[in-house]
């Protein structure tokens, strides 16, 4: 299930490091922190993830959990939780998604859109 977090804080930083070869492409590091006040099945989620991609996001991109540098998720109930694939949509429409934070608990498999 994917939900839109109505009162959410999303901090995102992208740092580009140009390759020494002088090539036009660059490695880009994305760091996301997600804090949500949206309650779903009695759980609220917060967390963060970091990933390095070979260039800036120019199309809808799904980042598999195994490709993340790090990922943490905390659930308001204290339930154990794991990260899922993260989504970085490119086509941004006002009021719609800029990132989807994926998490899973025994109660929820969720993608919270920010």
C-alpha atoms as a PDB file:
ATOM      1  CA  UNK A   1       0.000   0.000   0.000  1.00  0.00           C
ATOM      2  CA  UNK A   2       1.273   3.471  -0.843  1.00  0.00           C
ATOM      3  CA  UNK A   3       0.135   6.446   1.211  1.00  0.00           C
ATOM      4  CA  UNK A   4       0.645  10.162   0.888  1.00  0.00           C
ATOM      5  CA  UNK A   5       1.917  11.669   4.154  1.00  0.00           C
ATOM      6  CA  UNK A   6      -0.052  14.920   4.606  1.00  0.00           C
ATOM      7  CA  UNK A   7       2.137  16.363   7.360  1.00  0.00           C
ATOM      8  CA  UNK A   8       5.574  15.137   6.604  1.00  0.00           C
ATOM      9  CA  UNK A   9       9.047  16.539   6.721  1.00  0.00           C
ATOM     10  CA  UNK A  10      11.356  15.331   4.024  1.00  0.00           C
ATOM     11  CA  UNK A  11      14.916  16.511   4.017  1.00  0.00           C
ATOM     12  CA  UNK A  12      16.864  15.623   0.942  1.00  0.00           C
ATOM     13  CA  UNK A  13      20.410  16.428   0.001  1.00  0.00           C
ATOM     14  CA  UNK A  14      22.144  15.476  -3.201  1.00  0.00           C
ATOM     15  CA  UNK A  15      25.868  15.853  -3.510  1.00  0.00           C
ATOM     16  CA  UNK A  16      27.501  15.465  -6.885  1.00  0.00           C
ATOM     17  CA  UNK A  17      31.083  14.371  -7.227  1.00  0.00           C
ATOM     18  CA  UNK A  18      32.452  14.749 -10.733  1.00  0.00           C
ATOM     19  CA  UNK A  19      34.429  11.826 -11.982  1.00  0.00           C
ATOM     20  CA  UNK A  20      38.169  12.407 -12.301  1.00  0.00           C
ATOM     21  CA  UNK A  21      38.005  11.466 -15.983  1.00  0.00           C
ATOM     22  CA  UNK A  22      36.340  14.765 -16.811  1.00  0.00           C
ATOM     23  CA  UNK A  23      33.320  12.895 -18.127  1.00  0.00           C
ATOM     24  CA  UNK A  24      29.947  14.650 -18.195  1.00  0.00           C
ATOM     25  CA  UNK A  25      28.392  12.070 -15.852  1.00  0.00           C
ATOM     26  CA  UNK A  26      28.728  12.242 -12.082  1.00  0.00           C
ATOM     27  CA  UNK A  27      28.071  10.071  -9.075  1.00  0.00           C
ATOM     28  CA  UNK A  28      25.273  11.606  -7.003  1.00  0.00           C
ATOM     29  CA  UNK A  29      24.610  10.799  -3.351  1.00  0.00           C
ATOM     30  CA  UNK A  30      21.027  11.146  -2.131  1.00  0.00           C
ATOM     31  CA  UNK A  31      20.320  11.284   1.613  1.00  0.00           C
ATOM     32  CA  UNK A  32      16.663  11.249   2.691  1.00  0.00           C
ATOM     33  CA  UNK A  33      15.143  11.608   6.138  1.00  0.00           C
ATOM     34  CA  UNK A  34      11.427  10.934   6.494  1.00  0.00           C
ATOM     35  CA  UNK A  35       9.310  11.899   9.503  1.00  0.00           C
ATOM     36  CA  UNK A  36       5.603  11.232   9.160  1.00  0.00           C
ATOM     37  CA  UNK A  37       2.620  11.942  11.398  1.00  0.00           C
ATOM     38  CA  UNK A  38       0.402   9.741   9.216  1.00  0.00           C
ATOM     39  CA  UNK A  39      -1.047   6.789  11.195  1.00  0.00           C
ATOM     40  CA  UNK A  40      -1.747   3.579   9.300  1.00  0.00           C
ATOM     41  CA  UNK A  41      -3.000   0.481  11.138  1.00  0.00           C
ATOM     42  CA  UNK A  42      -1.937   2.143  14.428  1.00  0.00           C
ATOM     43  CA  UNK A  43       1.664   2.720  13.258  1.00  0.00           C
ATOM     44  CA  UNK A  44       3.600   5.879  12.354  1.00  0.00           C
ATOM     45  CA  UNK A  45       6.923   5.618  10.533  1.00  0.00           C
ATOM     46  CA  UNK A  46      10.175   7.552  10.438  1.00  0.00           C
ATOM     47  CA  UNK A  47      13.487   6.663   8.912  1.00  0.00           C
ATOM     48  CA  UNK A  48      16.208   7.496   6.456  1.00  0.00           C
ATOM     49  CA  UNK A  49      18.124   6.112   3.537  1.00  0.00           C
ATOM     50  CA  UNK A  50      21.257   6.939   1.539  1.00  0.00           C
ATOM     51  CA  UNK A  51      22.163   5.865  -1.960  1.00  0.00           C
ATOM     52  CA  UNK A  52      24.766   6.746  -4.584  1.00  0.00           C
ATOM     53  CA  UNK A  53      23.502   6.715  -8.160  1.00  0.00           C
ATOM     54  CA  UNK A  54      25.640   7.035 -11.298  1.00  0.00           C
ATOM     55  CA  UNK A  55      24.015  10.351 -12.268  1.00  0.00           C
ATOM     56  CA  UNK A  56      21.115  12.659 -11.389  1.00  0.00           C
ATOM     57  CA  UNK A  57      17.654  11.082 -11.394  1.00  0.00           C
ATOM     58  CA  UNK A  58      16.127  11.808 -14.811  1.00  0.00           C
ATOM     59  CA  UNK A  59      13.447   9.110 -14.877  1.00  0.00           C
ATOM     60  CA  UNK A  60      11.358   7.222 -12.346  1.00  0.00           C
ATOM     61  CA  UNK A  61      13.867   5.178 -10.350  1.00  0.00           C
ATOM     62  CA  UNK A  62      13.367   2.308  -7.922  1.00  0.00           C
ATOM     63  CA  UNK A  63      16.383   1.623  -5.718  1.00  0.00           C
ATOM     64  CA  UNK A  64      16.549  -1.986  -4.444  1.00  0.00           C
ATOM     65  CA  UNK A  65      17.267  -2.356  -0.725  1.00  0.00           C
ATOM     66  CA  UNK A  66      20.559  -4.103  -1.555  1.00  0.00           C
ATOM     67  CA  UNK A  67      21.785  -1.016  -3.426  1.00  0.00           C
ATOM     68  CA  UNK A  68      21.281   1.377  -0.495  1.00  0.00           C
ATOM     69  CA  UNK A  69      24.319   2.586   1.442  1.00  0.00           C
ATOM     70  CA  UNK A  70      22.184   2.644   4.578  1.00  0.00           C
ATOM     71  CA  UNK A  71      18.547   2.507   5.592  1.00  0.00           C
ATOM     72  CA  UNK A  72      16.800   2.746   8.956  1.00  0.00           C
ATOM     73  CA  UNK A  73      13.143   2.684   9.885  1.00  0.00           C
ATOM     74  CA  UNK A  74      11.483   3.289  13.249  1.00  0.00           C
ATOM     75  CA  UNK A  75       7.861   2.534  14.065  1.00  0.00           C
ATOM     76  CA  UNK A  76       5.898   4.449  16.719  1.00  0.00           C
ATOM     77  CA  UNK A  77       4.761   1.181  18.347  1.00  0.00           C
ATOM     78  CA  UNK A  78       8.336  -0.079  18.729  1.00  0.00           C
ATOM     79  CA  UNK A  79       7.564  -3.006  16.408  1.00  0.00           C
ATOM     80  CA  UNK A  80      10.484  -4.466  14.431  1.00  0.00           C
ATOM     81  CA  UNK A  81      10.658  -2.984  10.936  1.00  0.00           C
ATOM     82  CA  UNK A  82      12.759  -3.332   7.805  1.00  0.00           C
ATOM     83  CA  UNK A  83      13.387  -1.110   4.806  1.00  0.00           C
ATOM     84  CA  UNK A  84      11.977  -1.941   1.379  1.00  0.00           C
ATOM     85  CA  UNK A  85      12.899  -0.706  -2.069  1.00  0.00           C
ATOM     86  CA  UNK A  86      12.896   3.106  -2.238  1.00  0.00           C
ATOM     87  CA  UNK A  87      11.337   5.094  -5.071  1.00  0.00           C
ATOM     88  CA  UNK A  88      12.551   8.360  -6.619  1.00  0.00           C
ATOM     89  CA  UNK A  89       9.935   9.555  -9.119  1.00  0.00           C
ATOM     90  CA  UNK A  90      11.217  12.015 -11.704  1.00  0.00           C
ATOM     91  CA  UNK A  91       7.939  13.430 -12.984  1.00  0.00           C
ATOM     92  CA  UNK A  92       7.015  15.692 -10.092  1.00  0.00           C
ATOM     93  CA  UNK A  93       3.592  17.298 -10.138  1.00  0.00           C
ATOM     94  CA  UNK A  94       2.716  19.879  -7.413  1.00  0.00           C
ATOM     95  CA  UNK A  95       0.992  18.079  -4.554  1.00  0.00           C
ATOM     96  CA  UNK A  96       2.302  14.687  -5.647  1.00  0.00           C
ATOM     97  CA  UNK A  97       5.275  12.481  -4.945  1.00  0.00           C
ATOM     98  CA  UNK A  98       8.932  13.414  -4.720  1.00  0.00           C
ATOM     99  CA  UNK A  99      10.078  10.250  -2.925  1.00  0.00           C
ATOM    100  CA  UNK A 100       8.526   7.123  -1.499  1.00  0.00           C
ATOM    101  CA  UNK A 101       9.934   5.714   1.727  1.00  0.00           C
ATOM    102  CA  UNK A 102       9.388   1.943   1.777  1.00  0.00           C
ATOM    103  CA  UNK A 103       9.090   0.044   5.062  1.00  0.00           C
ATOM    104  CA  UNK A 104       7.678  -3.225   6.332  1.00  0.00           C
ATOM    105  CA  UNK A 105       6.409  -4.481   9.704  1.00  0.00           C
ATOM    106  CA  UNK A 106       4.328  -7.494  10.694  1.00  0.00           C
ATOM    107  CA  UNK A 107       1.234  -5.259  10.307  1.00  0.00           C
ATOM    108  CA  UNK A 108       2.141  -3.089   7.288  1.00  0.00           C
ATOM    109  CA  UNK A 109       3.972  -3.208   3.992  1.00  0.00           C
ATOM    110  CA  UNK A 110       3.966   0.435   3.095  1.00  0.00           C
ATOM    111  CA  UNK A 111       5.367   3.105   0.816  1.00  0.00           C
ATOM    112  CA  UNK A 112       4.878   6.562   2.273  1.00  0.00           C
ATOM    113  CA  UNK A 113       4.919   9.194  -0.450  1.00  0.00           C
ATOM    114  CA  UNK A 114       6.380  12.587   0.340  1.00  0.00           C
END
